[in-house]
PDB file of N, CA and C in Angstrom:
ATOM      1  N   UNK A   1     106.891 122.619 128.084  1.00  0.00           N
ATOM      2  CA  UNK A   1     107.252 123.285 129.320  1.00  0.00           C
ATOM      3  C   UNK A   1     106.110 124.202 129.733  1.00  0.00           C
ATOM      4  N   UNK A   2     105.954 124.368 131.013  1.00  0.00           N
ATOM      5  CA  UNK A   2     104.914 125.222 131.546  1.00  0.00           C
ATOM      6  C   UNK A   2     105.132 126.665 131.090  1.00  0.00           C
ATOM      7  N   UNK A   3     104.035 127.381 130.857  1.00  0.00           N
ATOM      8  CA  UNK A   3     104.131 128.776 130.462  1.00  0.00           C
ATOM      9  C   UNK A   3     104.641 129.644 131.598  1.00  0.00           C
ATOM     10  N   UNK A   4     104.211 129.320 132.815  1.00  0.00           N
ATOM     11  CA  UNK A   4     104.600 130.099 133.980  1.00  0.00           C
ATOM     12  C   UNK A   4     105.238 129.180 135.001  1.00  0.00           C
ATOM     13  N   UNK A   5     106.321 129.637 135.578  1.00  0.00           N
ATOM     14  CA  UNK A   5     107.015 128.883 136.604  1.00  0.00           C
ATOM     15  C   UNK A   5     106.956 129.705 137.886  1.00  0.00           C
ATOM     16  N   UNK A   6     106.355 129.154 138.915  1.00  0.00           N
ATOM     17  CA  UNK A   6     106.202 129.878 140.174  1.00  0.00           C
ATOM     18  C   UNK A   6     107.203 129.369 141.196  1.00  0.00           C
ATOM     19  N   UNK A   7     107.828 130.318 141.901  1.00  0.00           N
ATOM     20  CA  UNK A   7     108.826 129.985 142.908  1.00  0.00           C
ATOM     21  C   UNK A   7     108.594 130.786 144.177  1.00  0.00           C
ATOM     22  N   UNK A   8     108.834 130.158 145.301  1.00  0.00           N
ATOM     23  CA  UNK A   8     109.038 130.874 146.554  1.00  0.00           C
ATOM     24  C   UNK A   8     110.545 130.943 146.710  1.00  0.00           C
ATOM     25  N   UNK A   9     111.048 132.147 146.933  1.00  0.00           N
ATOM     26  CA  UNK A   9     112.493 132.336 146.950  1.00  0.00           C
ATOM     27  C   UNK A   9     112.891 133.214 148.132  1.00  0.00           C
ATOM     28  N   UNK A  10     113.999 132.855 148.741  1.00  0.00           N
ATOM     29  CA  UNK A  10     114.583 133.674 149.805  1.00  0.00           C
ATOM     30  C   UNK A  10     115.987 134.055 149.354  1.00  0.00           C
ATOM     31  N   UNK A  11     116.222 135.368 149.297  1.00  0.00           N
ATOM     32  CA  UNK A  11     117.527 135.875 148.886  1.00  0.00           C
ATOM     33  C   UNK A  11     117.795 137.175 149.623  1.00  0.00           C
ATOM     34  N   UNK A  12     119.019 137.369 149.993  1.00  0.00           N
ATOM     35  CA  UNK A  12     119.440 138.606 150.641  1.00  0.00           C
ATOM     36  C   UNK A  12     118.527 138.961 151.824  1.00  0.00           C
ATOM     37  N   UNK A  13     118.057 137.930 152.542  1.00  0.00           N
ATOM     38  CA  UNK A  13     117.200 138.136 153.705  1.00  0.00           C
ATOM     39  C   UNK A  13     115.754 138.456 153.390  1.00  0.00           C
ATOM     40  N   UNK A  14     115.367 138.427 152.110  1.00  0.00           N
ATOM     41  CA  UNK A  14     113.991 138.733 151.695  1.00  0.00           C
ATOM     42  C   UNK A  14     113.312 137.479 151.162  1.00  0.00           C
ATOM     43  N   UNK A  15     112.024 137.369 151.429  1.00  0.00           N
ATOM     44  CA  UNK A  15     111.227 136.276 150.865  1.00  0.00           C
ATOM     45  C   UNK A  15     110.292 136.847 149.810  1.00  0.00           C
ATOM     46  N   UNK A  16     110.246 136.187 148.671  1.00  0.00           N
ATOM     47  CA  UNK A  16     109.393 136.635 147.573  1.00  0.00           C
ATOM     48  C   UNK A  16     108.743 135.425 146.914  1.00  0.00           C
ATOM     49  N   UNK A  17     107.580 135.664 146.332  1.00  0.00           N
ATOM     50  CA  UNK A  17     106.977 134.699 145.425  1.00  0.00           C
ATOM     51  C   UNK A  17     107.135 135.323 144.051  1.00  0.00           C
ATOM     52  N   UNK A  18     107.684 134.586 143.123  1.00  0.00           N
ATOM     53  CA  UNK A  18     107.952 135.134 141.799  1.00  0.00           C
ATOM     54  C   UNK A  18     107.444 134.168 140.740  1.00  0.00           C
ATOM     55  N   UNK A  19     106.940 134.733 139.653  1.00  0.00           N
ATOM     56  CA  UNK A  19     106.456 133.934 138.536  1.00  0.00           C
ATOM     57  C   UNK A  19     107.327 134.201 137.330  1.00  0.00           C
ATOM     58  N   UNK A  20     107.964 133.147 136.860  1.00  0.00           N
ATOM     59  CA  UNK A  20     108.757 133.244 135.641  1.00  0.00           C
ATOM     60  C   UNK A  20     107.850 133.045 134.438  1.00  0.00           C
ATOM     61  N   UNK A  21     108.068 133.852 133.410  1.00  0.00           N
ATOM     62  CA  UNK A  21     107.302 133.733 132.173  1.00  0.00           C
ATOM     63  C   UNK A  21     108.264 133.418 131.029  1.00  0.00           C
ATOM     64  N   UNK A  22     107.732 133.303 129.835  1.00  0.00           N
ATOM     65  CA  UNK A  22     108.551 132.929 128.685  1.00  0.00           C
ATOM     66  C   UNK A  22     109.760 133.844 128.513  1.00  0.00           C
ATOM     67  N   UNK A  23     109.579 135.136 128.736  1.00  0.00           N
ATOM     68  CA  UNK A  23     110.691 136.081 128.611  1.00  0.00           C
ATOM     69  C   UNK A  23     111.835 135.715 129.552  1.00  0.00           C
ATOM     70  N   UNK A  24     111.502 135.200 130.724  1.00  0.00           N
ATOM     71  CA  UNK A  24     112.529 134.808 131.694  1.00  0.00           C
ATOM     72  C   UNK A  24     113.259 133.543 131.245  1.00  0.00           C
ATOM     73  N   UNK A  25     112.557 132.658 130.553  1.00  0.00           N
ATOM     74  CA  UNK A  25     113.203 131.465 130.004  1.00  0.00           C
ATOM     75  C   UNK A  25     114.186 131.850 128.903  1.00  0.00           C
ATOM     76  N   UNK A  26     113.810 132.843 128.100  1.00  0.00           N
ATOM     77  CA  UNK A  26     114.718 133.337 127.068  1.00  0.00           C
ATOM     78  C   UNK A  26     115.947 133.961 127.723  1.00  0.00           C
ATOM     79  N   UNK A  27     115.721 134.758 128.770  1.00  0.00           N
ATOM     80  CA  UNK A  27     116.835 135.370 129.504  1.00  0.00           C
ATOM     81  C   UNK A  27     117.736 134.294 130.108  1.00  0.00           C
ATOM     82  N   UNK A  28     117.135 133.205 130.604  1.00  0.00           N
ATOM     83  CA  UNK A  28     117.918 132.080 131.117  1.00  0.00           C
ATOM     84  C   UNK A  28     118.871 131.560 130.041  1.00  0.00           C
ATOM     85  N   UNK A  29     118.348 131.356 128.830  1.00  0.00           N
ATOM     86  CA  UNK A  29     119.186 130.858 127.743  1.00  0.00           C
ATOM     87  C   UNK A  29     120.355 131.803 127.469  1.00  0.00           C
ATOM     88  N   UNK A  30     120.075 133.099 127.484  1.00  0.00           N
ATOM     89  CA  UNK A  30     121.117 134.096 127.239  1.00  0.00           C
ATOM     90  C   UNK A  30     122.162 134.063 128.355  1.00  0.00           C
ATOM     91  N   UNK A  31     121.696 134.054 129.608  1.00  0.00           N
ATOM     92  CA  UNK A  31     122.614 134.037 130.756  1.00  0.00           C
ATOM     93  C   UNK A  31     123.453 132.768 130.784  1.00  0.00           C
ATOM     94  N   UNK A  32     122.817 131.637 130.485  1.00  0.00           N
ATOM     95  CA  UNK A  32     123.536 130.367 130.500  1.00  0.00           C
ATOM     96  C   UNK A  32     124.660 130.382 129.466  1.00  0.00           C
ATOM     97  N   UNK A  33     124.347 130.825 128.264  1.00  0.00           N
ATOM     98  CA  UNK A  33     125.355 130.860 127.206  1.00  0.00           C
ATOM     99  C   UNK A  33     126.451 131.878 127.517  1.00  0.00           C
ATOM    100  N   UNK A  34     126.061 133.053 127.983  1.00  0.00           N
ATOM    101  CA  UNK A  34     127.021 134.124 128.264  1.00  0.00           C
ATOM    102  C   UNK A  34     127.997 133.738 129.370  1.00  0.00           C
ATOM    103  N   UNK A  35     127.505 132.993 130.368  1.00  0.00           N
ATOM    104  CA  UNK A  35     128.329 132.630 131.526  1.00  0.00           C
ATOM    105  C   UNK A  35     128.892 131.226 131.451  1.00  0.00           C
ATOM    106  N   UNK A  36     128.647 130.543 130.331  1.00  0.00           N
ATOM    107  CA  UNK A  36     129.130 129.181 130.133  1.00  0.00           C
ATOM    108  C   UNK A  36     128.671 128.254 131.260  1.00  0.00           C
ATOM    109  N   UNK A  37     127.417 128.446 131.699  1.00  0.00           N
ATOM    110  CA  UNK A  37     126.836 127.583 132.723  1.00  0.00           C
ATOM    111  C   UNK A  37     126.404 126.264 132.087  1.00  0.00           C
ATOM    112  N   UNK A  38     126.284 125.201 132.904  1.00  0.00           N
ATOM    113  CA  UNK A  38     125.839 123.909 132.354  1.00  0.00           C
ATOM    114  C   UNK A  38     124.400 123.978 131.858  1.00  0.00           C
ATOM    115  N   UNK A  39     124.057 123.047 130.979  1.00  0.00           N
ATOM    116  CA  UNK A  39     122.691 122.959 130.464  1.00  0.00           C
ATOM    117  C   UNK A  39     121.725 122.593 131.579  1.00  0.00           C
ATOM    118  N   UNK A  40     120.469 122.877 131.360  1.00  0.00           N
ATOM    119  CA  UNK A  40     119.435 122.609 132.364  1.00  0.00           C
ATOM    120  C   UNK A  40     119.437 121.143 132.798  1.00  0.00           C
ATOM    121  N   UNK A  41     119.615 120.246 131.847  1.00  0.00           N
ATOM    122  CA  UNK A  41     119.600 118.818 132.149  1.00  0.00           C
ATOM    123  C   UNK A  41     120.649 118.440 133.187  1.00  0.00           C
ATOM    124  N   UNK A  42     121.710 119.230 133.240  1.00  0.00           N
ATOM    125  CA  UNK A  42     122.809 118.940 134.159  1.00  0.00           C
ATOM    126  C   UNK A  42     122.766 119.780 135.427  1.00  0.00           C
ATOM    127  N   UNK A  43     121.795 120.693 135.527  1.00  0.00           N
ATOM    128  CA  UNK A  43     121.804 121.605 136.660  1.00  0.00           C
ATOM    129  C   UNK A  43     120.423 122.219 136.910  1.00  0.00           C
ATOM    130  N   UNK A  44     119.509 121.411 137.438  1.00  0.00           N
ATOM    131  CA  UNK A  44     118.141 121.880 137.678  1.00  0.00           C
ATOM    132  C   UNK A  44     118.078 123.045 138.651  1.00  0.00           C
ATOM    133  N   UNK A  45     118.906 123.025 139.684  1.00  0.00           N
ATOM    134  CA  UNK A  45     118.849 124.090 140.682  1.00  0.00           C
ATOM    135  C   UNK A  45     119.326 125.415 140.101  1.00  0.00           C
ATOM    136  N   UNK A  46     120.374 125.375 139.295  1.00  0.00           N
ATOM    137  CA  UNK A  46     120.848 126.584 138.641  1.00  0.00           C
ATOM    138  C   UNK A  46     119.782 127.112 137.686  1.00  0.00           C
ATOM    139  N   UNK A  47     119.109 126.226 136.986  1.00  0.00           N
ATOM    140  CA  UNK A  47     118.009 126.620 136.096  1.00  0.00           C
ATOM    141  C   UNK A  47     116.957 127.409 136.868  1.00  0.00           C
ATOM    142  N   UNK A  48     116.493 126.863 137.995  1.00  0.00           N
ATOM    143  CA  UNK A  48     115.473 127.555 138.787  1.00  0.00           C
ATOM    144  C   UNK A  48     115.983 128.909 139.270  1.00  0.00           C
ATOM    145  N   UNK A  49     117.230 128.952 139.738  1.00  0.00           N
ATOM    146  CA  UNK A  49     117.798 130.199 140.261  1.00  0.00           C
ATOM    147  C   UNK A  49     117.896 131.260 139.167  1.00  0.00           C
ATOM    148  N   UNK A  50     118.317 130.879 137.973  1.00  0.00           N
ATOM    149  CA  UNK A  50     118.470 131.856 136.894  1.00  0.00           C
ATOM    150  C   UNK A  50     117.128 132.343 136.376  1.00  0.00           C
ATOM    151  N   UNK A  51     116.142 131.460 136.301  1.00  0.00           N
ATOM    152  CA  UNK A  51     114.798 131.891 135.884  1.00  0.00           C
ATOM    153  C   UNK A  51     114.220 132.845 136.929  1.00  0.00           C
ATOM    154  N   UNK A  52     114.399 132.516 138.210  1.00  0.00           N
ATOM    155  CA  UNK A  52     113.921 133.392 139.282  1.00  0.00           C
ATOM    156  C   UNK A  52     114.640 134.737 139.224  1.00  0.00           C
ATOM    157  N   UNK A  53     115.947 134.725 139.004  1.00  0.00           N
ATOM    158  CA  UNK A  53     116.728 135.966 138.874  1.00  0.00           C
ATOM    159  C   UNK A  53     116.167 136.829 137.737  1.00  0.00           C
ATOM    160  N   UNK A  54     115.959 136.215 136.581  1.00  0.00           N
ATOM    161  CA  UNK A  54     115.442 136.960 135.430  1.00  0.00           C
ATOM    162  C   UNK A  54     114.069 137.558 135.739  1.00  0.00           C
ATOM    163  N   UNK A  55     113.215 136.787 136.408  1.00  0.00           N
ATOM    164  CA  UNK A  55     111.878 137.278 136.758  1.00  0.00           C
ATOM    165  C   UNK A  55     111.953 138.422 137.764  1.00  0.00           C
ATOM    166  N   UNK A  56     112.822 138.284 138.761  1.00  0.00           N
ATOM    167  CA  UNK A  56     112.957 139.334 139.778  1.00  0.00           C
ATOM    168  C   UNK A  56     113.506 140.624 139.177  1.00  0.00           C
ATOM    169  N   UNK A  57     114.427 140.522 138.250  1.00  0.00           N
ATOM    170  CA  UNK A  57     114.941 141.707 137.560  1.00  0.00           C
ATOM    171  C   UNK A  57     113.825 142.325 136.719  1.00  0.00           C
ATOM    172  N   UNK A  58     113.089 141.485 136.011  1.00  0.00           N
ATOM    173  CA  UNK A  58     112.015 141.975 135.138  1.00  0.00           C
ATOM    174  C   UNK A  58     110.966 142.773 135.911  1.00  0.00           C
ATOM    175  N   UNK A  59     110.623 142.325 137.116  1.00  0.00           N
ATOM    176  CA  UNK A  59     109.580 143.020 137.893  1.00  0.00           C
ATOM    177  C   UNK A  59     110.158 144.084 138.825  1.00  0.00           C
ATOM    178  N   UNK A  60     111.472 144.281 138.788  1.00  0.00           N
ATOM    179  CA  UNK A  60     112.087 145.349 139.546  1.00  0.00           C
ATOM    180  C   UNK A  60     112.389 145.042 141.006  1.00  0.00           C
ATOM    181  N   UNK A  61     112.354 143.772 141.402  1.00  0.00           N
ATOM    182  CA  UNK A  61     112.666 143.413 142.786  1.00  0.00           C
ATOM    183  C   UNK A  61     114.156 143.170 142.995  1.00  0.00           C
ATOM    184  N   UNK A  62     114.882 143.046 141.893  1.00  0.00           N
ATOM    185  CA  UNK A  62     116.340 142.981 141.903  1.00  0.00           C
ATOM    186  C   UNK A  62     116.809 143.975 140.849  1.00  0.00           C
ATOM    187  N   UNK A  63     117.807 144.766 141.195  1.00  0.00           N
ATOM    188  CA  UNK A  63     118.335 145.770 140.271  1.00  0.00           C
ATOM    189  C   UNK A  63     118.911 145.093 139.025  1.00  0.00           C
ATOM    190  N   UNK A  64     118.683 145.703 137.894  1.00  0.00           N
ATOM    191  CA  UNK A  64     119.237 145.164 136.654  1.00  0.00           C
ATOM    192  C   UNK A  64     120.767 145.258 136.636  1.00  0.00           C
ATOM    193  N   UNK A  65     121.338 146.028 137.560  1.00  0.00           N
ATOM    194  CA  UNK A  65     122.797 146.123 137.683  1.00  0.00           C
ATOM    195  C   UNK A  65     123.396 144.993 138.516  1.00  0.00           C
ATOM    196  N   UNK A  66     122.542 144.183 139.145  1.00  0.00           N
ATOM    197  CA  UNK A  66     123.028 143.081 139.976  1.00  0.00           C
ATOM    198  C   UNK A  66     123.574 141.967 139.095  1.00  0.00           C
ATOM    199  N   UNK A  67     124.827 141.620 139.310  1.00  0.00           N
ATOM    200  CA  UNK A  67     125.438 140.533 138.539  1.00  0.00           C
ATOM    201  C   UNK A  67     124.846 139.201 138.974  1.00  0.00           C
ATOM    202  N   UNK A  68     124.772 138.274 138.030  1.00  0.00           N
ATOM    203  CA  UNK A  68     124.206 136.950 138.307  1.00  0.00           C
ATOM    204  C   UNK A  68     124.913 136.291 139.486  1.00  0.00           C
ATOM    205  N   UNK A  69     126.235 136.316 139.487  1.00  0.00           N
ATOM    206  CA  UNK A  69     126.990 135.655 140.549  1.00  0.00           C
ATOM    207  C   UNK A  69     126.698 136.282 141.911  1.00  0.00           C
ATOM    208  N   UNK A  70     126.536 137.607 141.938  1.00  0.00           N
ATOM    209  CA  UNK A  70     126.202 138.283 143.194  1.00  0.00           C
ATOM    210  C   UNK A  70     124.830 137.843 143.699  1.00  0.00           C
ATOM    211  N   UNK A  71     123.868 137.737 142.789  1.00  0.00           N
ATOM    212  CA  UNK A  71     122.545 137.253 143.165  1.00  0.00           C
ATOM    213  C   UNK A  71     122.631 135.830 143.705  1.00  0.00           C
ATOM    214  N   UNK A  72     123.337 134.958 142.997  1.00  0.00           N
ATOM    215  CA  UNK A  72     123.445 133.564 143.425  1.00  0.00           C
ATOM    216  C   UNK A  72     124.077 133.455 144.806  1.00  0.00           C
ATOM    217  N   UNK A  73     125.004 134.350 145.128  1.00  0.00           N
ATOM    218  CA  UNK A  73     125.646 134.326 146.440  1.00  0.00           C
ATOM    219  C   UNK A  73     124.705 134.738 147.572  1.00  0.00           C
ATOM    220  N   UNK A  74     123.599 135.409 147.246  1.00  0.00           N
ATOM    221  CA  UNK A  74     122.634 135.807 148.282  1.00  0.00           C
ATOM    222  C   UNK A  74     121.457 134.847 148.370  1.00  0.00           C
ATOM    223  N   UNK A  75     121.408 133.873 147.480  1.00  0.00           N
ATOM    224  CA  UNK A  75     120.285 132.938 147.408  1.00  0.00           C
ATOM    225  C   UNK A  75     120.313 131.972 148.584  1.00  0.00           C
ATOM    226  N   UNK A  76     119.264 132.023 149.400  1.00  0.00           N
ATOM    227  CA  UNK A  76     119.187 131.166 150.579  1.00  0.00           C
ATOM    228  C   UNK A  76     118.304 129.947 150.355  1.00  0.00           C
ATOM    229  N   UNK A  77     117.227 130.106 149.602  1.00  0.00           N
ATOM    230  CA  UNK A  77     116.309 128.988 149.346  1.00  0.00           C
ATOM    231  C   UNK A  77     115.476 129.298 148.107  1.00  0.00           C
ATOM    232  N   UNK A  78     115.118 128.245 147.399  1.00  0.00           N
ATOM    233  CA  UNK A  78     114.206 128.381 146.266  1.00  0.00           C
ATOM    234  C   UNK A  78     113.382 127.106 146.187  1.00  0.00           C
ATOM    235  N   UNK A  79     112.094 127.284 146.013  1.00  0.00           N
ATOM    236  CA  UNK A  79     111.193 126.142 145.962  1.00  0.00           C
ATOM    237  C   UNK A  79     110.160 126.369 144.868  1.00  0.00           C
ATOM    238  N   UNK A  80     110.058 125.433 143.929  1.00  0.00           N
ATOM    239  CA  UNK A  80     109.016 125.569 142.912  1.00  0.00           C
ATOM    240  C   UNK A  80     107.644 125.392 143.549  1.00  0.00           C
ATOM    241  N   UNK A  81     106.686 126.173 143.084  1.00  0.00           N
ATOM    242  CA  UNK A  81     105.314 126.083 143.572  1.00  0.00           C
ATOM    243  C   UNK A  81     104.454 125.641 142.409  1.00  0.00           C
ATOM    244  N   UNK A  82     103.828 124.499 142.567  1.00  0.00           N
ATOM    245  CA  UNK A  82     103.009 123.944 141.496  1.00  0.00           C
ATOM    246  C   UNK A  82     101.594 124.488 141.593  1.00  0.00           C
ATOM    247  N   UNK A  83     101.114 125.057 140.488  1.00  0.00           N
ATOM    248  CA  UNK A  83      99.726 125.493 140.419  1.00  0.00           C
ATOM    249  C   UNK A  83      98.873 124.292 140.053  1.00  0.00           C
ATOM    250  N   UNK A  84      97.655 124.266 140.580  1.00  0.00           N
ATOM    251  CA  UNK A  84      96.761 123.161 140.260  1.00  0.00           C
ATOM    252  C   UNK A  84      96.527 123.109 138.758  1.00  0.00           C
ATOM    253  N   UNK A  85      96.725 121.938 138.194  1.00  0.00           N
ATOM    254  CA  UNK A  85      96.490 121.749 136.774  1.00  0.00           C
ATOM    255  C   UNK A  85      97.640 122.202 135.887  1.00  0.00           C
ATOM    256  N   UNK A  86      98.677 122.782 136.467  1.00  0.00           N
ATOM    257  CA  UNK A  86      99.807 123.250 135.664  1.00  0.00           C
ATOM    258  C   UNK A  86     100.830 122.141 135.496  1.00  0.00           C
ATOM    259  N   UNK A  87     101.455 122.138 134.356  1.00  0.00           N
ATOM    260  CA  UNK A  87     102.537 121.201 134.112  1.00  0.00           C
ATOM    261  C   UNK A  87     103.747 121.677 134.903  1.00  0.00           C
ATOM    262  N   UNK A  88     104.352 120.784 135.663  1.00  0.00           N
ATOM    263  CA  UNK A  88     105.449 121.200 136.549  1.00  0.00           C
ATOM    264  C   UNK A  88     106.735 120.465 136.208  1.00  0.00           C
ATOM    265  N   UNK A  89     107.130 120.503 134.944  1.00  0.00           N
ATOM    266  CA  UNK A  89     108.325 119.774 134.546  1.00  0.00           C
ATOM    267  C   UNK A  89     109.608 120.528 134.855  1.00  0.00           C
ATOM    268  N   UNK A  90     109.514 121.644 135.553  1.00  0.00           N
ATOM    269  CA  UNK A  90     110.714 122.404 135.915  1.00  0.00           C
ATOM    270  C   UNK A  90     111.276 121.953 137.258  1.00  0.00           C
ATOM    271  N   UNK A  91     110.606 121.047 137.940  1.00  0.00           N
ATOM    272  CA  UNK A  91     111.087 120.600 139.239  1.00  0.00           C
ATOM    273  C   UNK A  91     112.258 119.637 139.059  1.00  0.00           C
ATOM    274  N   UNK A  92     113.212 119.693 139.980  1.00  0.00           N
ATOM    275  CA  UNK A  92     114.364 118.797 139.873  1.00  0.00           C
ATOM    276  C   UNK A  92     113.921 117.337 139.900  1.00  0.00           C
ATOM    277  N   UNK A  93     114.600 116.539 139.090  1.00  0.00           N
ATOM    278  CA  UNK A  93     114.302 115.115 139.056  1.00  0.00           C
ATOM    279  C   UNK A  93     114.887 114.434 140.278  1.00  0.00           C
ATOM    280  N   UNK A  94     114.236 113.397 140.724  1.00  0.00           N
ATOM    281  CA  UNK A  94     114.736 112.621 141.848  1.00  0.00           C
ATOM    282  C   UNK A  94     115.996 111.869 141.428  1.00  0.00           C
ATOM    283  N   UNK A  95     116.923 111.740 142.345  1.00  0.00           N
ATOM    284  CA  UNK A  95     118.163 111.022 142.044  1.00  0.00           C
ATOM    285  C   UNK A  95     118.081 109.563 142.459  1.00  0.00           C
ATOM    286  N   UNK A  96     116.907 109.145 142.883  1.00  0.00           N
ATOM    287  CA  UNK A  96     116.732 107.737 143.305  1.00  0.00           C
ATOM    288  C   UNK A  96     116.589 106.821 142.136  1.00  0.00           C
TER     289      UNK A  96
END
């Protein structure tokens, strides 16, 4: 998996570019287990949203008091941004 996951995200009327790091992937695992969310293989979009949430909390752009569900309810758009030469296996698989 890529070390850094970059996203353009729109939430609560704000647009941000956020970079998820390993710590955010660990937080994703914790949040997924705590909330009984589906595994990444079954929910690529939720994976991206939770990693972005963890990164935004880590850098202080979302309050650490914001509940995951509240954040998800404000999520308007999320798009992975591929860096040149970076492995981008976090993008949703095609359903074709």
